[in-house]
Amino acid sequence: WFRQAPGKEREFVAAVARSGGSTYYADSVKGRFTTFRDNVKNTVYL
């Protein structure tokens, strides 16, 4: 997941591995945002 505000560069927000067992977060969102995936529904959530 990435985000881009007006006048700013695109920045990393969160990511999840293929396994779903490893996640990564930008410091600015850590503790507030959670990403997870459902490989059966072919959907990732933030």
PDB file of all heavy atoms in Angstrom:
ATOM      1  N   TRP A   1       0.851  -1.186   0.000  1.00  0.00           N
ATOM      2  CA  TRP A   1       0.000   0.000   0.000  1.00  0.00           C
ATOM      3  C   TRP A   1       0.887   1.237   0.000  1.00  0.00           C
ATOM      4  O   TRP A   1       1.841   1.323   0.788  1.00  0.00           O
ATOM      5  CB  TRP A   1      -0.919   0.040   1.217  1.00  0.00           C
ATOM      6  CG  TRP A   1      -2.015  -0.977   1.195  1.00  0.00           C
ATOM      7  CD1 TRP A   1      -2.018  -2.201   1.796  1.00  0.00           C
ATOM      8  CD2 TRP A   1      -3.283  -0.851   0.548  1.00  0.00           C
ATOM      9  NE1 TRP A   1      -3.204  -2.836   1.564  1.00  0.00           N
ATOM     10  CE2 TRP A   1      -4.001  -2.035   0.799  1.00  0.00           C
ATOM     11  CE3 TRP A   1      -3.884   0.150  -0.215  1.00  0.00           C
ATOM     12  CZ2 TRP A   1      -5.293  -2.249   0.311  1.00  0.00           C
ATOM     13  CZ3 TRP A   1      -5.167  -0.059  -0.706  1.00  0.00           C
ATOM     14  CH2 TRP A   1      -5.851  -1.244  -0.440  1.00  0.00           C
ATOM     15  N   PHE A   2       0.571   2.187  -0.859  1.00  0.00           N
ATOM     16  CA  PHE A   2       1.286   3.445  -0.956  1.00  0.00           C
ATOM     17  C   PHE A   2       0.266   4.571  -0.980  1.00  0.00           C
ATOM     18  O   PHE A   2      -0.903   4.359  -1.281  1.00  0.00           O
ATOM     19  CB  PHE A   2       2.151   3.488  -2.216  1.00  0.00           C
ATOM     20  CG  PHE A   2       3.254   2.465  -2.230  1.00  0.00           C
ATOM     21  CD1 PHE A   2       3.001   1.151  -2.571  1.00  0.00           C
ATOM     22  CD2 PHE A   2       4.548   2.829  -1.893  1.00  0.00           C
ATOM     23  CE1 PHE A   2       4.009   0.201  -2.583  1.00  0.00           C
ATOM     24  CE2 PHE A   2       5.574   1.899  -1.902  1.00  0.00           C
ATOM     25  CZ  PHE A   2       5.299   0.583  -2.242  1.00  0.00           C
ATOM     26  N   ARG A   3       0.718   5.769  -0.673  1.00  0.00           N
ATOM     27  CA  ARG A   3      -0.173   6.914  -0.725  1.00  0.00           C
ATOM     28  C   ARG A   3       0.567   8.119  -1.281  1.00  0.00           C
ATOM     29  O   ARG A   3       1.786   8.224  -1.179  1.00  0.00           O
ATOM     30  CB  ARG A   3      -0.765   7.236   0.650  1.00  0.00           C
ATOM     31  CG  ARG A   3       0.244   7.718   1.686  1.00  0.00           C
ATOM     32  CD  ARG A   3      -0.419   7.834   3.051  1.00  0.00           C
ATOM     33  NE  ARG A   3       0.490   8.336   4.066  1.00  0.00           N
ATOM     34  CZ  ARG A   3       0.203   8.422   5.356  1.00  0.00           C
ATOM     35  NH1 ARG A   3      -0.990   8.028   5.800  1.00  0.00           N
ATOM     36  NH2 ARG A   3       1.094   8.895   6.211  1.00  0.00           N
ATOM     37  N   GLN A   4      -0.199   9.024  -1.860  1.00  0.00           N
ATOM     38  CA  GLN A   4       0.374  10.233  -2.433  1.00  0.00           C
ATOM     39  C   GLN A   4      -0.548  11.409  -2.145  1.00  0.00           C
ATOM     40  O   GLN A   4      -1.703  11.419  -2.571  1.00  0.00           O
ATOM     41  CB  GLN A   4       0.587  10.086  -3.935  1.00  0.00           C
ATOM     42  CG  GLN A   4       1.345  11.235  -4.560  1.00  0.00           C
ATOM     43  CD  GLN A   4       1.825  10.917  -5.961  1.00  0.00           C
ATOM     44  OE1 GLN A   4       1.281  10.037  -6.632  1.00  0.00           O
ATOM     45  NE2 GLN A   4       2.848  11.615  -6.415  1.00  0.00           N
ATOM     46  N   ALA A   5      -0.020  12.373  -1.417  1.00  0.00           N
ATOM     47  CA  ALA A   5      -0.739  13.604  -1.122  1.00  0.00           C
ATOM     48  C   ALA A   5      -0.395  14.653  -2.174  1.00  0.00           C
ATOM     49  O   ALA A   5       0.656  14.568  -2.818  1.00  0.00           O
ATOM     50  CB  ALA A   5      -0.379  14.112   0.268  1.00  0.00           C
ATOM     51  N   PRO A   6      -1.250  15.652  -2.372  1.00  0.00           N
ATOM     52  CA  PRO A   6      -0.962  16.692  -3.365  1.00  0.00           C
ATOM     53  C   PRO A   6       0.387  17.354  -3.122  1.00  0.00           C
ATOM     54  O   PRO A   6       0.699  17.753  -1.997  1.00  0.00           O
ATOM     55  CB  PRO A   6      -2.109  17.682  -3.179  1.00  0.00           C
ATOM     56  CG  PRO A   6      -3.225  16.857  -2.637  1.00  0.00           C
ATOM     57  CD  PRO A   6      -2.563  15.847  -1.741  1.00  0.00           C
ATOM     58  N   GLY A   7       1.193  17.450  -4.177  1.00  0.00           N
ATOM     59  CA  GLY A   7       2.479  18.096  -4.087  1.00  0.00           C
ATOM     60  C   GLY A   7       3.575  17.271  -3.452  1.00  0.00           C
ATOM     61  O   GLY A   7       4.689  17.777  -3.265  1.00  0.00           O
ATOM     62  N   LYS A   8       3.296  16.018  -3.110  1.00  0.00           N
ATOM     63  CA  LYS A   8       4.281  15.169  -2.469  1.00  0.00           C
ATOM     64  C   LYS A   8       4.515  13.902  -3.284  1.00  0.00           C
ATOM     65  O   LYS A   8       3.691  13.518  -4.110  1.00  0.00           O
ATOM     66  CB  LYS A   8       3.844  14.805  -1.054  1.00  0.00           C
ATOM     67  CG  LYS A   8       3.730  15.994  -0.111  1.00  0.00           C
ATOM     68  CD  LYS A   8       3.397  15.554   1.299  1.00  0.00           C
ATOM     69  CE  LYS A   8       3.339  16.731   2.247  1.00  0.00           C
ATOM     70  NZ  LYS A   8       3.022  16.304   3.634  1.00  0.00           N
ATOM     71  N   GLU A   9       5.650  13.274  -3.033  1.00  0.00           N
ATOM     72  CA  GLU A   9       5.968  12.023  -3.697  1.00  0.00           C
ATOM     73  C   GLU A   9       5.184  10.877  -3.084  1.00  0.00           C
ATOM     74  O   GLU A   9       4.763  10.929  -1.929  1.00  0.00           O
ATOM     75  CB  GLU A   9       7.472  11.740  -3.610  1.00  0.00           C
ATOM     76  CG  GLU A   9       8.342  12.735  -4.356  1.00  0.00           C
ATOM     77  CD  GLU A   9       9.804  12.371  -4.310  1.00  0.00           C
ATOM     78  OE1 GLU A   9      10.174  11.462  -3.544  1.00  0.00           O
ATOM     79  OE2 GLU A   9      10.579  12.981  -5.053  1.00  0.00           O
ATOM     80  N   ARG A  10       5.002   9.847  -3.873  1.00  0.00           N
ATOM     81  CA  ARG A  10       4.346   8.658  -3.374  1.00  0.00           C
ATOM     82  C   ARG A  10       5.201   8.010  -2.288  1.00  0.00           C
ATOM     83  O   ARG A  10       6.414   7.866  -2.442  1.00  0.00           O
ATOM     84  CB  ARG A  10       4.104   7.680  -4.525  1.00  0.00           C
ATOM     85  CG  ARG A  10       3.229   6.502  -4.177  1.00  0.00           C
ATOM     86  CD  ARG A  10       2.843   5.726  -5.434  1.00  0.00           C
ATOM     87  NE  ARG A  10       2.088   6.552  -6.361  1.00  0.00           N
ATOM     88  CZ  ARG A  10       1.579   6.108  -7.503  1.00  0.00           C
ATOM     89  NH1 ARG A  10       1.733   4.841  -7.858  1.00  0.00           N
ATOM     90  NH2 ARG A  10       0.910   6.932  -8.294  1.00  0.00           N
ATOM     91  N   GLU A  11       4.570   7.614  -1.193  1.00  0.00           N
ATOM     92  CA  GLU A  11       5.302   7.050  -0.075  1.00  0.00           C
ATOM     93  C   GLU A  11       4.723   5.703   0.342  1.00  0.00           C
ATOM     94  O   GLU A  11       3.532   5.435   0.189  1.00  0.00           O
ATOM     95  CB  GLU A  11       5.302   8.010   1.120  1.00  0.00           C
ATOM     96  CG  GLU A  11       3.934   8.261   1.718  1.00  0.00           C
ATOM     97  CD  GLU A  11       3.987   9.122   2.968  1.00  0.00           C
ATOM     98  OE1 GLU A  11       5.096   9.394   3.465  1.00  0.00           O
ATOM     99  OE2 GLU A  11       2.913   9.532   3.451  1.00  0.00           O
ATOM    100  N   PHE A  12       5.596   4.893   0.890  1.00  0.00           N
ATOM    101  CA  PHE A  12       5.209   3.583   1.379  1.00  0.00           C
ATOM    102  C   PHE A  12       4.335   3.700   2.610  1.00  0.00           C
ATOM    103  O   PHE A  12       4.576   4.536   3.480  1.00  0.00           O
ATOM    104  CB  PHE A  12       6.465   2.771   1.702  1.00  0.00           C
ATOM    105  CG  PHE A  12       6.189   1.498   2.442  1.00  0.00           C
ATOM    106  CD1 PHE A  12       5.678   0.395   1.791  1.00  0.00           C
ATOM    107  CD2 PHE A  12       6.442   1.410   3.801  1.00  0.00           C
ATOM    108  CE1 PHE A  12       5.418  -0.779   2.472  1.00  0.00           C
ATOM    109  CE2 PHE A  12       6.193   0.250   4.494  1.00  0.00           C
ATOM    110  CZ  PHE A  12       5.679  -0.847   3.819  1.00  0.00           C
ATOM    111  N   VAL A  13       3.332   2.836   2.693  1.00  0.00           N
ATOM    112  CA  VAL A  13       2.446   2.789   3.844  1.00  0.00           C
ATOM    113  C   VAL A  13       2.534   1.445   4.556  1.00  0.00           C
ATOM    114  O   VAL A  13       2.803   1.376   5.751  1.00  0.00           O
ATOM    115  CB  VAL A  13       0.985   3.070   3.442  1.00  0.00           C
ATOM    116  CG1 VAL A  13       0.059   2.919   4.644  1.00  0.00           C
ATOM    117  CG2 VAL A  13       0.854   4.459   2.836  1.00  0.00           C
ATOM    118  N   ALA A  14       2.298   0.366   3.826  1.00  0.00           N
ATOM    119  CA  ALA A  14       2.271  -0.964   4.425  1.00  0.00           C
ATOM    120  C   ALA A  14       2.458  -2.009   3.347  1.00  0.00           C
ATOM    121  O   ALA A  14       2.229  -1.751   2.170  1.00  0.00           O
ATOM    122  CB  ALA A  14       0.940  -1.197   5.166  1.00  0.00           C
ATOM    123  N   ALA A  15       2.875  -3.202   3.751  1.00  0.00           N
ATOM    124  CA  ALA A  15       3.028  -4.304   2.819  1.00  0.00           C
ATOM    125  C   ALA A  15       2.838  -5.625   3.544  1.00  0.00           C
ATOM    126  O   ALA A  15       3.049  -5.719   4.751  1.00  0.00           O
ATOM    127  CB  ALA A  15       4.401  -4.275   2.142  1.00  0.00           C
ATOM    128  N   VAL A  16       2.450  -6.638   2.799  1.00  0.00           N
ATOM    129  CA  VAL A  16       2.275  -7.974   3.340  1.00  0.00           C
ATOM    130  C   VAL A  16       2.872  -8.975   2.369  1.00  0.00           C
ATOM    131  O   VAL A  16       2.716  -8.852   1.153  1.00  0.00           O
ATOM    132  CB  VAL A  16       0.784  -8.272   3.632  1.00  0.00           C
ATOM    133  CG1 VAL A  16      -0.072  -8.128   2.383  1.00  0.00           C
ATOM    134  CG2 VAL A  16       0.617  -9.654   4.251  1.00  0.00           C
ATOM    135  N   ALA A  17       3.579  -9.957   2.905  1.00  0.00           N
ATOM    136  CA  ALA A  17       4.231 -10.967   2.097  1.00  0.00           C
ATOM    137  C   ALA A  17       3.218 -11.908   1.460  1.00  0.00           C
ATOM    138  O   ALA A  17       2.040 -11.928   1.821  1.00  0.00           O
ATOM    139  CB  ALA A  17       5.222 -11.766   2.949  1.00  0.00           C
ATOM    140  N   ARG A  18       3.698 -12.698   0.518  1.00  0.00           N
ATOM    141  CA  ARG A  18       2.847 -13.676  -0.145  1.00  0.00           C
ATOM    142  C   ARG A  18       2.197 -14.630   0.847  1.00  0.00           C
ATOM    143  O   ARG A  18       1.040 -15.026   0.672  1.00  0.00           O
ATOM    144  CB  ARG A  18       3.666 -14.479  -1.156  1.00  0.00           C
ATOM    145  CG  ARG A  18       4.161 -13.673  -2.347  1.00  0.00           C
ATOM    146  CD  ARG A  18       5.268 -14.417  -3.080  1.00  0.00           C
ATOM    147  NE  ARG A  18       4.822 -15.730  -3.546  1.00  0.00           N
ATOM    148  CZ  ARG A  18       5.630 -16.694  -3.963  1.00  0.00           C
ATOM    149  NH1 ARG A  18       6.939 -16.498  -3.967  1.00  0.00           N
ATOM    150  NH2 ARG A  18       5.128 -17.851  -4.383  1.00  0.00           N
ATOM    151  N   SER A  19       2.945 -14.966   1.883  1.00  0.00           N
ATOM    152  CA  SER A  19       2.449 -15.889   2.890  1.00  0.00           C
ATOM    153  C   SER A  19       1.366 -15.283   3.772  1.00  0.00           C
ATOM    154  O   SER A  19       0.596 -16.018   4.398  1.00  0.00           O
ATOM    155  CB  SER A  19       3.605 -16.360   3.769  1.00  0.00           C
ATOM    156  OG  SER A  19       4.110 -15.293   4.546  1.00  0.00           O
ATOM    157  N   GLY A  20       1.334 -13.954   3.848  1.00  0.00           N
ATOM    158  CA  GLY A  20       0.450 -13.280   4.772  1.00  0.00           C
ATOM    159  C   GLY A  20       0.990 -13.195   6.183  1.00  0.00           C
ATOM    160  O   GLY A  20       0.396 -12.523   7.030  1.00  0.00           O
ATOM    161  N   GLY A  21       2.119 -13.849   6.450  1.00  0.00           N
ATOM    162  CA  GLY A  21       2.660 -13.914   7.790  1.00  0.00           C
ATOM    163  C   GLY A  21       3.649 -12.824   8.147  1.00  0.00           C
ATOM    164  O   GLY A  21       4.012 -12.698   9.324  1.00  0.00           O
ATOM    165  N   SER A  22       4.102 -12.050   7.175  1.00  0.00           N
ATOM    166  CA  SER A  22       5.052 -10.970   7.415  1.00  0.00           C
ATOM    167  C   SER A  22       4.461  -9.670   6.912  1.00  0.00           C
ATOM    168  O   SER A  22       4.061  -9.581   5.753  1.00  0.00           O
ATOM    169  CB  SER A  22       6.382 -11.250   6.715  1.00  0.00           C
ATOM    170  OG  SER A  22       6.983 -12.439   7.200  1.00  0.00           O
ATOM    171  N   THR A  23       4.423  -8.672   7.775  1.00  0.00           N
ATOM    172  CA  THR A  23       3.904  -7.357   7.409  1.00  0.00           C
ATOM    173  C   THR A  23       4.932  -6.284   7.715  1.00  0.00           C
ATOM    174  O   THR A  23       5.807  -6.452   8.570  1.00  0.00           O
ATOM    175  CB  THR A  23       2.594  -7.041   8.137  1.00  0.00           C
ATOM    176  OG1 THR A  23       2.790  -7.193   9.547  1.00  0.00           O
ATOM    177  CG2 THR A  23       1.486  -7.982   7.684  1.00  0.00           C
ATOM    178  N   TYR A  24       4.802  -5.159   7.030  1.00  0.00           N
ATOM    179  CA  TYR A  24       5.726  -4.036   7.150  1.00  0.00           C
ATOM    180  C   TYR A  24       4.917  -2.750   7.162  1.00  0.00           C
ATOM    181  O   TYR A  24       3.927  -2.621   6.437  1.00  0.00           O
ATOM    182  CB  TYR A  24       6.714  -4.027   5.979  1.00  0.00           C
ATOM    183  CG  TYR A  24       7.400  -5.358   5.750  1.00  0.00           C
ATOM    184  CD1 TYR A  24       6.770  -6.364   5.026  1.00  0.00           C
ATOM    185  CD2 TYR A  24       8.666  -5.598   6.263  1.00  0.00           C
ATOM    186  CE1 TYR A  24       7.391  -7.588   4.822  1.00  0.00           C
ATOM    187  CE2 TYR A  24       9.288  -6.816   6.059  1.00  0.00           C
ATOM    188  CZ  TYR A  24       8.649  -7.808   5.341  1.00  0.00           C
ATOM    189  OH  TYR A  24       9.265  -9.022   5.136  1.00  0.00           O
ATOM    190  N   TYR A  25       5.360  -1.783   7.971  1.00  0.00           N
ATOM    191  CA  TYR A  25       4.625  -0.534   8.102  1.00  0.00           C
ATOM    192  C   TYR A  25       5.570   0.652   8.149  1.00  0.00           C
ATOM    193  O   TYR A  25       6.659   0.577   8.724  1.00  0.00           O
ATOM    194  CB  TYR A  25       3.773  -0.529   9.372  1.00  0.00           C
ATOM    195  CG  TYR A  25       2.739  -1.620   9.406  1.00  0.00           C
ATOM    196  CD1 TYR A  25       2.988  -2.824  10.044  1.00  0.00           C
ATOM    197  CD2 TYR A  25       1.505  -1.444   8.780  1.00  0.00           C
ATOM    198  CE1 TYR A  25       2.032  -3.832  10.059  1.00  0.00           C
ATOM    199  CE2 TYR A  25       0.549  -2.448   8.795  1.00  0.00           C
ATOM    200  CZ  TYR A  25       0.823  -3.642   9.435  1.00  0.00           C
ATOM    201  OH  TYR A  25      -0.126  -4.639   9.446  1.00  0.00           O
ATOM    202  N   ALA A  26       5.143   1.740   7.542  1.00  0.00           N
ATOM    203  CA  ALA A  26       5.848   2.995   7.710  1.00  0.00           C
ATOM    204  C   ALA A  26       5.705   3.467   9.148  1.00  0.00           C
ATOM    205  O   ALA A  26       4.688   3.217   9.810  1.00  0.00           O
ATOM    206  CB  ALA A  26       5.302   4.048   6.753  1.00  0.00           C
ATOM    207  N   ASP A  27       6.729   4.161   9.650  1.00  0.00           N
ATOM    208  CA  ASP A  27       6.687   4.646  11.022  1.00  0.00           C
ATOM    209  C   ASP A  27       5.482   5.553  11.277  1.00  0.00           C
ATOM    210  O   ASP A  27       4.938   5.573  12.381  1.00  0.00           O
ATOM    211  CB  ASP A  27       7.971   5.399  11.358  1.00  0.00           C
ATOM    212  CG  ASP A  27       9.172   4.486  11.490  1.00  0.00           C
ATOM    213  OD1 ASP A  27       8.984   3.268  11.674  1.00  0.00           O
ATOM    214  OD2 ASP A  27      10.308   4.991  11.413  1.00  0.00           O
ATOM    215  N   SER A  28       5.063   6.282  10.263  1.00  0.00           N
ATOM    216  CA  SER A  28       3.978   7.234  10.416  1.00  0.00           C
ATOM    217  C   SER A  28       2.623   6.571  10.659  1.00  0.00           C
ATOM    218  O   SER A  28       1.700   7.225  11.149  1.00  0.00           O
ATOM    219  CB  SER A  28       3.887   8.138   9.187  1.00  0.00           C
ATOM    220  OG  SER A  28       3.666   7.377   8.010  1.00  0.00           O
ATOM    221  N   VAL A  29       2.490   5.289  10.321  1.00  0.00           N
ATOM    222  CA  VAL A  29       1.211   4.608  10.473  1.00  0.00           C
ATOM    223  C   VAL A  29       1.279   3.427  11.420  1.00  0.00           C
ATOM    224  O   VAL A  29       0.231   2.840  11.740  1.00  0.00           O
ATOM    225  CB  VAL A  29       0.659   4.141   9.113  1.00  0.00           C
ATOM    226  CG1 VAL A  29       0.589   5.305   8.137  1.00  0.00           C
ATOM    227  CG2 VAL A  29       1.504   3.012   8.536  1.00  0.00           C
ATOM    228  N   LYS A  30       2.453   3.079  11.883  1.00  0.00           N
ATOM    229  CA  LYS A  30       2.622   1.921  12.753  1.00  0.00           C
ATOM    230  C   LYS A  30       1.796   2.084  14.024  1.00  0.00           C
ATOM    231  O   LYS A  30       1.818   3.129  14.673  1.00  0.00           O
ATOM    232  CB  LYS A  30       4.096   1.729  13.083  1.00  0.00           C
ATOM    233  CG  LYS A  30       4.434   0.400  13.728  1.00  0.00           C
ATOM    234  CD  LYS A  30       5.944   0.222  13.844  1.00  0.00           C
ATOM    235  CE  LYS A  30       6.602   0.175  12.481  1.00  0.00           C
ATOM    236  NZ  LYS A  30       8.074  -0.058  12.581  1.00  0.00           N
ATOM    237  N   GLY A  31       1.057   1.041  14.355  1.00  0.00           N
ATOM    238  CA  GLY A  31       0.189   1.084  15.514  1.00  0.00           C
ATOM    239  C   GLY A  31      -1.210   1.568  15.216  1.00  0.00           C
ATOM    240  O   GLY A  31      -2.105   1.422  16.061  1.00  0.00           O
ATOM    241  N   ARG A  32      -1.425   2.144  14.051  1.00  0.00           N
ATOM    242  CA  ARG A  32      -2.740   2.634  13.649  1.00  0.00           C
ATOM    243  C   ARG A  32      -3.314   1.867  12.454  1.00  0.00           C
ATOM    244  O   ARG A  32      -4.527   1.663  12.382  1.00  0.00           O
ATOM    245  CB  ARG A  32      -2.677   4.121  13.293  1.00  0.00           C
ATOM    246  CG  ARG A  32      -2.235   5.012  14.447  1.00  0.00           C
ATOM    247  CD  ARG A  32      -2.372   6.489  14.095  1.00  0.00           C
ATOM    248  NE  ARG A  32      -1.519   6.862  12.971  1.00  0.00           N
ATOM    249  CZ  ARG A  32      -1.969   7.366  11.820  1.00  0.00           C
ATOM    250  NH1 ARG A  32      -3.270   7.568  11.637  1.00  0.00           N
ATOM    251  NH2 ARG A  32      -1.113   7.692  10.850  1.00  0.00           N
ATOM    252  N   PHE A  33      -2.449   1.481  11.535  1.00  0.00           N
ATOM    253  CA  PHE A  33      -2.879   0.784  10.320  1.00  0.00           C
ATOM    254  C   PHE A  33      -2.491  -0.687  10.402  1.00  0.00           C
ATOM    255  O   PHE A  33      -1.457  -1.043  10.982  1.00  0.00           O
ATOM    256  CB  PHE A  33      -2.226   1.381   9.074  1.00  0.00           C
ATOM    257  CG  PHE A  33      -2.682   2.762   8.697  1.00  0.00           C
ATOM    258  CD1 PHE A  33      -3.478   3.522   9.540  1.00  0.00           C
ATOM    259  CD2 PHE A  33      -2.298   3.296   7.476  1.00  0.00           C
ATOM    260  CE1 PHE A  33      -3.890   4.798   9.184  1.00  0.00           C
ATOM    261  CE2 PHE A  33      -2.702   4.565   7.108  1.00  0.00           C
ATOM    262  CZ  PHE A  33      -3.500   5.320   7.957  1.00  0.00           C
ATOM    263  N   THR A  34      -3.299  -1.531   9.787  1.00  0.00           N
ATOM    264  CA  THR A  34      -3.020  -2.955   9.698  1.00  0.00           C
ATOM    265  C   THR A  34      -3.352  -3.434   8.292  1.00  0.00           C
ATOM    266  O   THR A  34      -4.413  -3.100   7.761  1.00  0.00           O
ATOM    267  CB  THR A  34      -3.846  -3.761  10.716  1.00  0.00           C
ATOM    268  OG1 THR A  34      -3.591  -3.289  12.040  1.00  0.00           O
ATOM    269  CG2 THR A  34      -3.490  -5.242  10.630  1.00  0.00           C
ATOM    270  N   THR A  35      -2.450  -4.188   7.692  1.00  0.00           N
ATOM    271  CA  THR A  35      -2.733  -4.789   6.403  1.00  0.00           C
ATOM    272  C   THR A  35      -2.777  -6.311   6.543  1.00  0.00           C
ATOM    273  O   THR A  35      -2.017  -6.890   7.321  1.00  0.00           O
ATOM    274  CB  THR A  35      -1.714  -4.368   5.329  1.00  0.00           C
ATOM    275  OG1 THR A  35      -2.144  -4.845   4.044  1.00  0.00           O
ATOM    276  CG2 THR A  35      -0.327  -4.922   5.622  1.00  0.00           C
ATOM    277  N   PHE A  36      -3.680  -6.921   5.824  1.00  0.00           N
ATOM    278  CA  PHE A  36      -3.797  -8.363   5.836  1.00  0.00           C
ATOM    279  C   PHE A  36      -4.405  -8.801   4.511  1.00  0.00           C
ATOM    280  O   PHE A  36      -5.002  -8.002   3.792  1.00  0.00           O
ATOM    281  CB  PHE A  36      -4.632  -8.851   7.031  1.00  0.00           C
ATOM    282  CG  PHE A  36      -5.976  -8.189   7.162  1.00  0.00           C
ATOM    283  CD1 PHE A  36      -7.121  -8.798   6.677  1.00  0.00           C
ATOM    284  CD2 PHE A  36      -6.101  -6.956   7.784  1.00  0.00           C
ATOM    285  CE1 PHE A  36      -8.364  -8.196   6.805  1.00  0.00           C
ATOM    286  CE2 PHE A  36      -7.338  -6.338   7.918  1.00  0.00           C
ATOM    287  CZ  PHE A  36      -8.470  -6.960   7.429  1.00  0.00           C
ATOM    288  N   ARG A  37      -4.252 -10.065   4.205  1.00  0.00           N
ATOM    289  CA  ARG A  37      -4.711 -10.562   2.914  1.00  0.00           C
ATOM    290  C   ARG A  37      -5.531 -11.826   3.067  1.00  0.00           C
ATOM    291  O   ARG A  37      -5.369 -12.590   4.016  1.00  0.00           O
ATOM    292  CB  ARG A  37      -3.519 -10.820   1.985  1.00  0.00           C
ATOM    293  CG  ARG A  37      -2.593 -11.941   2.432  1.00  0.00           C
ATOM    294  CD  ARG A  37      -1.303 -11.933   1.618  1.00  0.00           C
ATOM    295  NE  ARG A  37      -1.549 -12.198   0.210  1.00  0.00           N
ATOM    296  CZ  ARG A  37      -0.727 -11.858  -0.780  1.00  0.00           C
ATOM    297  NH1 ARG A  37       0.408 -11.209  -0.491  1.00  0.00           N
ATOM    298  NH2 ARG A  37      -1.023 -12.151  -2.033  1.00  0.00           N
ATOM    299  N   ASP A  38      -6.400 -12.025   2.098  1.00  0.00           N
ATOM    300  CA  ASP A  38      -7.203 -13.231   1.997  1.00  0.00           C
ATOM    301  C   ASP A  38      -6.918 -13.816   0.621  1.00  0.00           C
ATOM    302  O   ASP A  38      -7.435 -13.328  -0.389  1.00  0.00           O
ATOM    303  CB  ASP A  38      -8.689 -12.917   2.172  1.00  0.00           C
ATOM    304  CG  ASP A  38      -9.545 -14.164   2.237  1.00  0.00           C
ATOM    305  OD1 ASP A  38      -9.167 -15.196   1.665  1.00  0.00           O
ATOM    306  OD2 ASP A  38     -10.621 -14.107   2.866  1.00  0.00           O
ATOM    307  N   ASN A  39      -6.089 -14.841   0.573  1.00  0.00           N
ATOM    308  CA  ASN A  39      -5.684 -15.416  -0.705  1.00  0.00           C
ATOM    309  C   ASN A  39      -6.783 -16.236  -1.367  1.00  0.00           C
ATOM    310  O   ASN A  39      -6.673 -16.581  -2.544  1.00  0.00           O
ATOM    311  CB  ASN A  39      -4.429 -16.271  -0.517  1.00  0.00           C
ATOM    312  CG  ASN A  39      -3.181 -15.433  -0.313  1.00  0.00           C
ATOM    313  OD1 ASN A  39      -3.178 -14.227  -0.554  1.00  0.00           O
ATOM    314  ND2 ASN A  39      -2.106 -16.070   0.127  1.00  0.00           N
ATOM    315  N   VAL A  40      -7.822 -16.559  -0.622  1.00  0.00           N
ATOM    316  CA  VAL A  40      -8.965 -17.246  -1.209  1.00  0.00           C
ATOM    317  C   VAL A  40      -9.850 -16.247  -1.946  1.00  0.00           C
ATOM    318  O   VAL A  40     -10.322 -16.504  -3.055  1.00  0.00           O
ATOM    319  CB  VAL A  40      -9.768 -17.998  -0.137  1.00  0.00           C
ATOM    320  CG1 VAL A  40     -11.028 -18.606  -0.741  1.00  0.00           C
ATOM    321  CG2 VAL A  40      -8.912 -19.080   0.503  1.00  0.00           C
ATOM    322  N   LYS A  41     -10.072 -15.089  -1.339  1.00  0.00           N
ATOM    323  CA  LYS A  41     -10.869 -14.035  -1.961  1.00  0.00           C
ATOM    324  C   LYS A  41     -10.064 -13.154  -2.902  1.00  0.00           C
ATOM    325  O   LYS A  41     -10.632 -12.260  -3.539  1.00  0.00           O
ATOM    326  CB  LYS A  41     -11.516 -13.170  -0.889  1.00  0.00           C
ATOM    327  CG  LYS A  41     -12.527 -13.902  -0.018  1.00  0.00           C
ATOM    328  CD  LYS A  41     -13.167 -12.960   0.989  1.00  0.00           C
ATOM    329  CE  LYS A  41     -14.212 -13.675   1.815  1.00  0.00           C
ATOM    330  NZ  LYS A  41     -14.845 -12.766   2.807  1.00  0.00           N
ATOM    331  N   ASN A  42      -8.752 -13.379  -2.980  1.00  0.00           N
ATOM    332  CA  ASN A  42      -7.876 -12.575  -3.839  1.00  0.00           C
ATOM    333  C   ASN A  42      -7.981 -11.089  -3.505  1.00  0.00           C
ATOM    334  O   ASN A  42      -8.070 -10.235  -4.392  1.00  0.00           O
ATOM    335  CB  ASN A  42      -8.194 -12.802  -5.316  1.00  0.00           C
ATOM    336  CG  ASN A  42      -7.819 -14.184  -5.793  1.00  0.00           C
ATOM    337  OD1 ASN A  42      -7.046 -14.895  -5.157  1.00  0.00           O
ATOM    338  ND2 ASN A  42      -8.360 -14.571  -6.942  1.00  0.00           N
ATOM    339  N   THR A  43      -7.942 -10.786  -2.230  1.00  0.00           N
ATOM    340  CA  THR A  43      -8.125  -9.421  -1.766  1.00  0.00           C
ATOM    341  C   THR A  43      -7.130  -9.109  -0.649  1.00  0.00           C
ATOM    342  O   THR A  43      -6.882  -9.951   0.217  1.00  0.00           O
ATOM    343  CB  THR A  43      -9.556  -9.201  -1.261  1.00  0.00           C
ATOM    344  OG1 THR A  43     -10.486  -9.484  -2.317  1.00  0.00           O
ATOM    345  CG2 THR A  43      -9.765  -7.757  -0.813  1.00  0.00           C
ATOM    346  N   VAL A  44      -6.579  -7.904  -0.688  1.00  0.00           N
ATOM    347  CA  VAL A  44      -5.753  -7.408   0.391  1.00  0.00           C
ATOM    348  C   VAL A  44      -6.455  -6.198   0.995  1.00  0.00           C
ATOM    349  O   VAL A  44      -7.109  -5.426   0.281  1.00  0.00           O
ATOM    350  CB  VAL A  44      -4.327  -7.061  -0.089  1.00  0.00           C
ATOM    351  CG1 VAL A  44      -4.350  -5.943  -1.132  1.00  0.00           C
ATOM    352  CG2 VAL A  44      -3.432  -6.687   1.078  1.00  0.00           C
ATOM    353  N   TYR A  45      -6.327  -6.032   2.306  1.00  0.00           N
ATOM    354  CA  TYR A  45      -7.030  -4.989   3.031  1.00  0.00           C
ATOM    355  C   TYR A  45      -6.044  -4.074   3.752  1.00  0.00           C
ATOM    356  O   TYR A  45      -4.957  -4.485   4.149  1.00  0.00           O
ATOM    357  CB  TYR A  45      -7.973  -5.591   4.069  1.00  0.00           C
ATOM    358  CG  TYR A  45      -8.979  -6.556   3.495  1.00  0.00           C
ATOM    359  CD1 TYR A  45      -8.694  -7.910   3.412  1.00  0.00           C
ATOM    360  CD2 TYR A  45     -10.214  -6.111   3.037  1.00  0.00           C
ATOM    361  CE1 TYR A  45      -9.612  -8.808   2.887  1.00  0.00           C
ATOM    362  CE2 TYR A  45     -11.138  -6.998   2.516  1.00  0.00           C
ATOM    363  CZ  TYR A  45     -10.834  -8.341   2.438  1.00  0.00           C
ATOM    364  OH  TYR A  45     -11.749  -9.220   1.921  1.00  0.00           O
ATOM    365  N   LEU A  46      -6.459  -2.845   3.927  1.00  0.00           N
ATOM    366  CA  LEU A  46      -5.746  -1.907   4.777  1.00  0.00           C
ATOM    367  C   LEU A  46      -6.745  -1.323   5.759  1.00  0.00           C
ATOM    368  O   LEU A  46      -7.607  -0.528   5.379  1.00  0.00           O
ATOM    369  CB  LEU A  46      -5.089  -0.795   3.960  1.00  0.00           C
ATOM    370  CG  LEU A  46      -4.262   0.209   4.768  1.00  0.00           C
ATOM    371  CD1 LEU A  46      -3.022  -0.466   5.356  1.00  0.00           C
ATOM    372  CD2 LEU A  46      -3.845   1.397   3.898  1.00  0.00           C
TER     373      LEU A  46
END
